[in-house]
Amino acid sequence: MKLGSPQSFLDQEEAEEAEDGQLLEPEAWRTYLEHRNALREFLSSALSPHLLKRHHARMELLKKCSYYMEILPKHLALGDQNPLVLPSTMFQLIDPWKFQRMKKVGTAQTKIQLLLLGDLLEQLDCGRAELDALLESPDPRPFLAGWGLVGQRLAELSAVMDSFLAMMVPGRLHIKHRLVSDRWRHQDPAHPPHAEH
């Protein structure tokens, strides 16, 4: 059998585990193996390298995306479907300064969401590395003694993953702003101001 073959690696790992098993009582050894398998399962499913790589790719894609704004007259926003103002007329009523300010608020909110997503993804990457190192520890006794903390860490990382996935779902920005200048706000929307002849 070649030294570098997968079977050789597995045999070596089994030999090391058998040697480690001599350090513990049989029942403690069974508990250790159960915990170790549970941790391996978590790392190969919920925090698999493939999954984290996909999340990183989606993050890069989100950084290249943009958002759009939907502008509705007040009567349409309240559910009245009778269009009293044509879209072209409505844009004549919009205050350009207020519109630019609203775009800046939207951009700031988008950047904050991306920063939060990046932070959550970094927590997942660090958690994966931390648990990987624990799994590779040669001595089973500290692993077994600290299992309560490991279980707590798994719960924390599951919650971080849930938050990350929830934030990845496209949602609305919280922008509500009066775009019409004060001098036009009290006029009848069906009769917008006209230029003087």
Protein backbone atom coordinates (compact mmCIF):
# COMPACT_ATOMS: atom_id res chain seq x y z
CA MET A 1 0.00 0.00 0.00
CA LYS A 2 1.36 3.43 -0.90
CA LEU A 3 2.12 5.75 2.00
CA GLY A 4 0.22 8.71 0.51
CA SER A 5 -2.95 6.79 -0.38
CA PRO A 6 -6.30 7.69 1.28
CA GLN A 7 -6.53 4.20 2.82
CA SER A 8 -3.09 4.65 4.41
CA PHE A 9 -4.21 7.96 5.89
CA LEU A 10 -7.39 6.36 7.31
CA ASP A 11 -5.40 3.49 8.81
CA GLN A 12 -3.05 5.95 10.46
CA GLU A 13 -6.00 7.97 11.83
CA GLU A 14 -7.64 4.80 13.21
CA ALA A 15 -4.35 3.79 14.86
CA GLU A 16 -4.06 7.22 16.49
CA GLU A 17 -7.67 7.02 17.71
CA ALA A 18 -7.05 3.55 19.18
CA GLU A 19 -3.98 4.93 20.97
CA ASP A 20 -6.03 7.88 22.29
CA GLY A 21 -8.73 5.45 23.41
CA GLN A 22 -6.27 3.94 25.86
CA LEU A 23 -6.12 7.31 27.67
CA LEU A 24 -9.83 7.14 28.63
CA GLU A 25 -12.27 4.73 30.22
CA PRO A 26 -14.43 2.86 27.62
CA GLU A 27 -17.58 4.87 28.41
CA ALA A 28 -15.73 8.19 28.29
CA TRP A 29 -14.15 7.09 25.01
CA ARG A 30 -17.59 6.34 23.51
CA THR A 31 -18.83 9.77 24.63
CA TYR A 32 -15.74 11.39 23.11
CA LEU A 33 -16.33 9.65 19.77
CA GLU A 34 -20.01 10.67 19.77
CA HIS A 35 -19.12 14.32 20.42
CA ARG A 36 -16.35 14.22 17.84
CA ASN A 37 -18.72 12.78 15.22
CA ALA A 38 -21.37 15.41 16.06
CA LEU A 39 -18.76 18.15 15.57
CA ARG A 40 -17.58 16.61 12.29
CA GLU A 41 -21.19 16.43 11.08
CA PHE A 42 -21.75 20.11 11.93
CA LEU A 43 -18.57 21.16 10.12
CA SER A 44 -19.38 19.08 7.04
CA SER A 45 -22.97 20.31 6.75
CA ALA A 46 -23.81 23.66 8.41
CA LEU A 47 -20.28 25.08 8.08
CA SER A 48 -18.87 23.15 5.15
CA PRO A 49 -16.07 24.87 3.19
CA HIS A 50 -18.19 24.56 0.03
CA LEU A 51 -21.12 26.37 1.68
CA LEU A 52 -18.92 29.16 3.05
CA LYS A 53 -17.31 29.57 -0.37
CA ARG A 54 -20.77 29.98 -1.94
CA HIS A 55 -21.67 32.60 0.68
CA HIS A 56 -18.47 34.52 -0.09
CA ALA A 57 -19.32 34.44 -3.81
CA ARG A 58 -22.84 35.76 -3.11
CA MET A 59 -21.39 38.54 -0.97
CA GLU A 60 -19.10 39.62 -3.82
CA LEU A 61 -22.10 39.63 -6.15
CA LEU A 62 -24.16 41.73 -3.71
CA LYS A 63 -21.36 44.31 -3.57
CA LYS A 64 -21.78 44.77 -7.35
CA CYS A 65 -25.58 45.10 -7.21
CA SER A 66 -27.68 48.19 -6.69
CA TYR A 67 -31.12 49.08 -5.35
CA TYR A 68 -34.08 50.86 -6.88
CA MET A 69 -36.58 53.32 -5.49
CA GLU A 70 -40.30 53.24 -6.08
CA ILE A 71 -41.94 56.64 -5.78
CA LEU A 72 -45.69 56.67 -5.18
CA PRO A 73 -48.01 59.64 -4.74
CA LYS A 74 -49.56 59.64 -1.26
CA HIS A 75 -53.01 58.54 -2.50
CA LEU A 76 -51.49 55.48 -4.26
CA ALA A 77 -49.37 54.62 -1.23
CA LEU A 78 -52.57 54.56 0.83
CA GLY A 79 -54.24 52.13 -1.58
CA ASP A 80 -56.20 54.44 -3.90
CA GLN A 81 -55.60 53.10 -7.42
CA ASN A 82 -57.00 56.12 -9.31
CA PRO A 83 -53.94 57.75 -10.86
CA LEU A 84 -54.54 61.48 -10.42
CA VAL A 85 -50.98 62.37 -11.37
CA LEU A 86 -49.10 61.11 -14.42
CA PRO A 87 -45.54 59.86 -13.73
CA SER A 88 -44.04 62.65 -15.86
CA THR A 89 -46.00 65.26 -13.91
CA MET A 90 -45.00 63.71 -10.60
CA PHE A 91 -41.29 64.00 -11.44
CA GLN A 92 -41.80 67.72 -12.12
CA LEU A 93 -43.03 68.10 -8.53
CA ILE A 94 -40.08 66.29 -6.92
CA ASP A 95 -37.57 68.51 -5.17
CA PRO A 96 -34.14 67.50 -6.67
CA TRP A 97 -32.26 68.25 -3.42
CA LYS A 98 -34.61 66.04 -1.40
CA PHE A 99 -34.37 63.29 -4.02
CA GLN A 100 -30.54 63.35 -3.86
CA ARG A 101 -30.71 63.25 -0.05
CA MET A 102 -32.98 60.21 -0.18
CA LYS A 103 -30.57 58.43 -2.55
CA LYS A 104 -27.72 59.08 -0.09
CA VAL A 105 -29.78 57.60 2.76
CA GLY A 106 -30.52 54.52 0.63
CA THR A 107 -26.84 54.10 -0.26
CA ALA A 108 -25.82 54.45 3.41
CA GLN A 109 -28.36 51.79 4.45
CA THR A 110 -27.12 49.45 1.72
CA LYS A 111 -23.50 49.86 2.87
CA ILE A 112 -24.49 49.18 6.50
CA GLN A 113 -26.28 45.97 5.48
CA LEU A 114 -23.23 44.83 3.49
CA LEU A 115 -20.93 45.57 6.46
CA LEU A 116 -23.20 43.55 8.77
CA LEU A 117 -23.27 40.65 6.30
CA GLY A 118 -19.48 40.77 5.99
CA ASP A 119 -19.10 40.71 9.79
CA LEU A 120 -21.43 37.70 10.12
CA LEU A 121 -19.56 35.84 7.39
CA GLU A 122 -16.24 36.56 9.11
CA GLN A 123 -17.67 35.14 12.37
CA LEU A 124 -18.63 31.96 10.50
CA ASP A 125 -15.14 31.66 8.95
CA CYS A 126 -13.45 32.13 12.36
CA GLY A 127 -15.84 29.68 14.02
CA ARG A 128 -15.08 27.08 11.37
CA ALA A 129 -11.30 27.50 11.86
CA GLU A 130 -11.66 27.37 15.66
CA LEU A 131 -13.73 24.14 15.60
CA ASP A 132 -11.42 22.60 13.00
CA ALA A 133 -8.44 23.18 15.29
CA LEU A 134 -10.34 21.61 18.18
CA LEU A 135 -11.15 18.56 16.08
CA GLU A 136 -7.46 18.12 15.22
CA SER A 137 -6.38 18.27 18.88
CA PRO A 138 -4.36 15.13 19.69
CA ASP A 139 -5.50 14.83 23.32
CA PRO A 140 -9.15 13.76 23.78
CA ARG A 141 -9.35 14.78 27.45
CA PRO A 142 -9.49 18.60 27.02
CA PHE A 143 -11.98 18.12 24.18
CA LEU A 144 -14.23 16.01 26.41
CA ALA A 145 -13.86 18.29 29.44
CA GLY A 146 -14.74 21.40 27.40
CA TRP A 147 -17.67 19.91 25.49
CA GLY A 148 -20.18 22.20 27.24
CA LEU A 149 -18.42 25.23 25.78
CA VAL A 150 -18.20 23.52 22.38
CA GLY A 151 -21.96 22.89 22.40
CA GLN A 152 -22.54 26.54 23.29
CA ARG A 153 -20.25 27.61 20.42
CA LEU A 154 -22.17 25.40 17.98
CA ALA A 155 -25.44 27.05 19.08
CA GLU A 156 -23.90 30.53 18.64
CA LEU A 157 -22.62 29.72 15.16
CA SER A 158 -26.02 28.27 14.18
CA ALA A 159 -27.65 31.56 15.28
CA VAL A 160 -25.06 33.56 13.31
CA MET A 161 -25.79 31.44 10.23
CA ASP A 162 -29.55 32.01 10.65
CA SER A 163 -28.99 35.78 10.90
CA PHE A 164 -26.72 35.72 7.85
CA LEU A 165 -29.23 33.78 5.73
CA ALA A 166 -32.09 36.06 6.85
CA MET A 167 -30.10 39.15 5.85
CA MET A 168 -29.23 37.65 2.47
CA VAL A 169 -32.91 37.69 1.50
CA PRO A 170 -33.53 40.87 -0.54
CA GLY A 171 -35.65 43.28 1.44
CA ARG A 172 -36.82 46.84 1.49
CA LEU A 173 -34.75 49.77 2.62
CA HIS A 174 -36.38 51.93 5.26
CA ILE A 175 -36.61 55.19 3.36
CA LYS A 176 -39.64 57.37 3.80
CA HIS A 177 -39.15 60.94 2.76
CA ARG A 178 -41.30 63.79 1.53
CA LEU A 179 -40.01 64.52 -1.94
CA VAL A 180 -42.38 67.30 -2.92
CA SER A 181 -41.33 70.83 -2.11
CA ASP A 182 -43.35 72.54 0.67
CA ARG A 183 -44.70 75.22 -1.69
CA TRP A 184 -46.39 72.59 -3.91
CA ARG A 185 -47.50 70.17 -1.21
CA HIS A 186 -50.85 71.85 -0.47
CA GLN A 187 -51.93 72.16 -4.10
CA ASP A 188 -54.40 69.81 -5.80
CA PRO A 189 -52.35 66.92 -7.28
CA ALA A 190 -54.71 66.76 -10.25
CA HIS A 191 -53.74 70.36 -11.14
CA PRO A 192 -49.98 70.74 -10.67
CA PRO A 193 -48.48 74.22 -11.07
CA HIS A 194 -47.83 75.31 -14.65
CA ALA A 195 -45.20 77.64 -16.00
CA GLU A 196 -46.48 81.13 -16.59
CA HIS A 197 -47.38 81.96 -20.16
